[in-house]
Amino acid sequence: MSGKRGPTKTTQADASRIQSAQARNGQDTGKGAFSARVQSAAAKNANAAAAAPKPPSKAAPATPTSPKK
């Protein structure tokens, strides 16, 4: 791999893949296990993304209406 990459957030899909792989290999997936900690981090990332303020939309400005006669 070449070039630098910034840190990436763990997604719920990432956590699911890790938990599935550990379960297939007979590793612990219970409370305190690596896969459980990853699942927790993924949930926090998803909640933080949902709670982040959204930038204002670039909607067209309202057109002024002419006064009624």
N, C-alpha and C. Protein backbone atom coordinates (compact mmCIF):
# COMPACT_ATOMS: atom_id res chain seq x y z
N MET A 1 0.83 -1.16 0.00
CA MET A 1 0.00 0.00 0.00
C MET A 1 0.88 1.24 0.00
N SER A 2 0.60 2.16 -0.84
CA SER A 2 1.41 3.37 -0.87
C SER A 2 0.55 4.56 -0.46
N GLY A 3 1.21 5.60 0.00
CA GLY A 3 0.50 6.79 0.40
C GLY A 3 0.01 6.70 1.83
N LYS A 4 -0.36 7.85 2.33
CA LYS A 4 -0.86 7.90 3.71
C LYS A 4 -2.38 7.97 3.70
N ARG A 5 -2.95 7.33 4.66
CA ARG A 5 -4.40 7.37 4.82
C ARG A 5 -4.72 7.87 6.21
N GLY A 6 -5.80 8.58 6.31
CA GLY A 6 -6.23 9.05 7.62
C GLY A 6 -6.91 7.93 8.38
N PRO A 7 -7.19 8.16 9.63
CA PRO A 7 -7.87 7.12 10.41
C PRO A 7 -9.29 6.90 9.88
N THR A 8 -9.70 5.66 9.90
CA THR A 8 -11.05 5.34 9.46
C THR A 8 -11.86 4.84 10.65
N LYS A 9 -13.12 5.11 10.63
CA LYS A 9 -14.02 4.68 11.69
C LYS A 9 -14.50 3.26 11.40
N THR A 10 -14.64 2.48 12.45
CA THR A 10 -15.14 1.12 12.31
C THR A 10 -16.65 1.19 12.05
N THR A 11 -17.08 0.49 11.02
CA THR A 11 -18.51 0.47 10.69
C THR A 11 -19.16 -0.77 11.28
N GLN A 12 -20.47 -0.79 11.26
CA GLN A 12 -21.20 -1.94 11.76
C GLN A 12 -20.95 -3.16 10.87
N ALA A 13 -20.72 -2.94 9.58
CA ALA A 13 -20.39 -4.05 8.69
C ALA A 13 -19.03 -4.64 9.05
N ASP A 14 -18.07 -3.78 9.40
CA ASP A 14 -16.75 -4.26 9.84
C ASP A 14 -16.90 -5.14 11.08
N ALA A 15 -17.66 -4.63 12.05
CA ALA A 15 -17.84 -5.37 13.30
C ALA A 15 -18.51 -6.72 13.05
N SER A 16 -19.47 -6.75 12.15
CA SER A 16 -20.16 -7.99 11.82
C SER A 16 -19.20 -9.00 11.22
N ARG A 17 -18.33 -8.54 10.31
CA ARG A 17 -17.34 -9.43 9.69
C ARG A 17 -16.40 -10.02 10.72
N ILE A 18 -15.94 -9.17 11.65
CA ILE A 18 -15.01 -9.63 12.68
C ILE A 18 -15.68 -10.64 13.59
N GLN A 19 -16.91 -10.34 14.02
CA GLN A 19 -17.61 -11.26 14.91
C GLN A 19 -17.88 -12.59 14.22
N SER A 20 -18.26 -12.55 12.96
CA SER A 20 -18.53 -13.77 12.21
C SER A 20 -17.27 -14.62 12.07
N ALA A 21 -16.15 -13.97 11.76
CA ALA A 21 -14.90 -14.70 11.60
C ALA A 21 -14.47 -15.35 12.92
N GLN A 22 -14.62 -14.61 14.02
CA GLN A 22 -14.23 -15.17 15.31
C GLN A 22 -15.14 -16.33 15.70
N ALA A 23 -16.42 -16.22 15.42
CA ALA A 23 -17.35 -17.30 15.74
C ALA A 23 -17.03 -18.55 14.91
N ARG A 24 -16.72 -18.36 13.63
CA ARG A 24 -16.37 -19.50 12.77
C ARG A 24 -15.12 -20.22 13.26
N ASN A 25 -14.20 -19.45 13.85
CA ASN A 25 -12.94 -20.03 14.33
C ASN A 25 -13.03 -20.49 15.77
N GLY A 26 -14.21 -20.47 16.34
CA GLY A 26 -14.41 -20.96 17.70
C GLY A 26 -13.88 -20.04 18.78
N GLN A 27 -13.63 -18.79 18.44
CA GLN A 27 -13.13 -17.84 19.43
C GLN A 27 -14.29 -17.20 20.18
N ASP A 28 -13.98 -16.66 21.35
CA ASP A 28 -14.98 -16.03 22.20
C ASP A 28 -15.55 -14.78 21.53
N THR A 29 -16.87 -14.67 21.54
CA THR A 29 -17.52 -13.48 21.01
C THR A 29 -18.40 -12.82 22.07
N GLY A 30 -18.26 -13.25 23.31
CA GLY A 30 -19.08 -12.72 24.40
C GLY A 30 -18.58 -11.39 24.93
N LYS A 31 -19.20 -10.98 26.02
CA LYS A 31 -18.88 -9.71 26.64
C LYS A 31 -17.38 -9.63 26.96
N GLY A 32 -16.76 -8.53 26.57
CA GLY A 32 -15.35 -8.31 26.83
C GLY A 32 -14.43 -8.85 25.74
N ALA A 33 -14.95 -9.65 24.83
CA ALA A 33 -14.14 -10.18 23.74
C ALA A 33 -13.86 -9.07 22.73
N PHE A 34 -12.84 -9.25 21.92
CA PHE A 34 -12.47 -8.25 20.92
C PHE A 34 -13.66 -7.90 20.03
N SER A 35 -14.38 -8.91 19.55
CA SER A 35 -15.49 -8.63 18.65
C SER A 35 -16.59 -7.82 19.34
N ALA A 36 -16.78 -8.02 20.62
CA ALA A 36 -17.78 -7.24 21.36
C ALA A 36 -17.33 -5.78 21.49
N ARG A 37 -16.03 -5.57 21.71
CA ARG A 37 -15.52 -4.20 21.81
C ARG A 37 -15.61 -3.48 20.46
N VAL A 38 -15.36 -4.23 19.38
CA VAL A 38 -15.47 -3.64 18.05
C VAL A 38 -16.92 -3.28 17.76
N GLN A 39 -17.84 -4.15 18.15
CA GLN A 39 -19.27 -3.88 17.94
C GLN A 39 -19.68 -2.62 18.69
N SER A 40 -19.18 -2.45 19.90
CA SER A 40 -19.49 -1.27 20.69
C SER A 40 -18.95 0.00 20.02
N ALA A 41 -17.72 -0.07 19.52
CA ALA A 41 -17.12 1.08 18.84
C ALA A 41 -17.91 1.43 17.57
N ALA A 42 -18.33 0.43 16.83
CA ALA A 42 -19.10 0.66 15.61
C ALA A 42 -20.43 1.32 15.93
N ALA A 43 -21.09 0.89 17.00
CA ALA A 43 -22.36 1.49 17.39
C ALA A 43 -22.17 2.95 17.79
N LYS A 44 -21.09 3.23 18.54
CA LYS A 44 -20.81 4.62 18.92
C LYS A 44 -20.54 5.48 17.70
N ASN A 45 -19.79 4.95 16.73
CA ASN A 45 -19.52 5.70 15.51
C ASN A 45 -20.80 5.98 14.73
N ALA A 46 -21.69 5.00 14.65
CA ALA A 46 -22.95 5.19 13.93
C ALA A 46 -23.82 6.23 14.62
N ASN A 47 -23.85 6.18 15.96
CA ASN A 47 -24.65 7.16 16.70
C ASN A 47 -24.07 8.56 16.57
N ALA A 48 -22.75 8.67 16.58
CA ALA A 48 -22.11 9.98 16.44
C ALA A 48 -22.39 10.56 15.06
N ALA A 49 -22.36 9.72 14.04
CA ALA A 49 -22.62 10.19 12.68
C ALA A 49 -24.07 10.65 12.54
N ALA A 50 -24.98 9.94 13.20
CA ALA A 50 -26.40 10.30 13.11
C ALA A 50 -26.69 11.59 13.87
N ALA A 51 -25.93 11.85 14.93
CA ALA A 51 -26.17 13.03 15.75
C ALA A 51 -25.40 14.25 15.26
N ALA A 52 -24.49 14.07 14.31
CA ALA A 52 -23.67 15.19 13.82
C ALA A 52 -24.56 16.21 13.12
N PRO A 53 -24.27 17.50 13.33
CA PRO A 53 -25.08 18.52 12.66
C PRO A 53 -24.89 18.46 11.16
N LYS A 54 -25.95 18.64 10.46
CA LYS A 54 -25.91 18.59 9.00
C LYS A 54 -25.64 20.00 8.47
N PRO A 55 -24.83 20.12 7.42
CA PRO A 55 -24.59 21.44 6.84
C PRO A 55 -25.88 21.95 6.20
N PRO A 56 -26.03 23.27 6.12
CA PRO A 56 -27.25 23.79 5.51
C PRO A 56 -27.37 23.36 4.05
N SER A 57 -28.58 23.11 3.63
CA SER A 57 -28.79 22.67 2.25
C SER A 57 -28.63 23.86 1.32
N LYS A 58 -28.32 23.55 0.09
CA LYS A 58 -28.14 24.60 -0.91
C LYS A 58 -29.41 24.72 -1.75
N ALA A 59 -30.51 24.92 -1.08
CA ALA A 59 -31.79 25.05 -1.77
C ALA A 59 -31.85 26.40 -2.46
N ALA A 60 -32.63 26.48 -3.50
CA ALA A 60 -32.78 27.74 -4.21
C ALA A 60 -33.44 28.76 -3.29
N PRO A 61 -33.01 30.01 -3.37
CA PRO A 61 -33.62 31.03 -2.52
C PRO A 61 -35.09 31.21 -2.88
N ALA A 62 -35.87 31.54 -1.88
CA ALA A 62 -37.29 31.75 -2.12
C ALA A 62 -37.49 32.95 -3.02
N THR A 63 -38.39 32.81 -3.98
CA THR A 63 -38.66 33.95 -4.88
C THR A 63 -39.72 34.83 -4.24
N PRO A 64 -39.49 36.11 -4.25
CA PRO A 64 -40.49 37.00 -3.64
C PRO A 64 -41.78 36.98 -4.47
N THR A 65 -42.89 37.04 -3.79
CA THR A 65 -44.17 37.07 -4.49
C THR A 65 -44.60 38.52 -4.65
N SER A 66 -45.26 38.79 -5.73
CA SER A 66 -45.74 40.16 -5.95
C SER A 66 -46.97 40.40 -5.10
N PRO A 67 -47.12 41.58 -4.57
CA PRO A 67 -48.29 41.87 -3.73
C PRO A 67 -49.58 41.74 -4.52
N LYS A 68 -50.60 41.27 -3.87
CA LYS A 68 -51.91 41.13 -4.53
C LYS A 68 -52.53 42.50 -4.65
N LYS A 69 -53.20 42.70 -5.75
CA LYS A 69 -53.86 44.00 -6.01
C LYS A 69 -55.33 43.92 -5.74
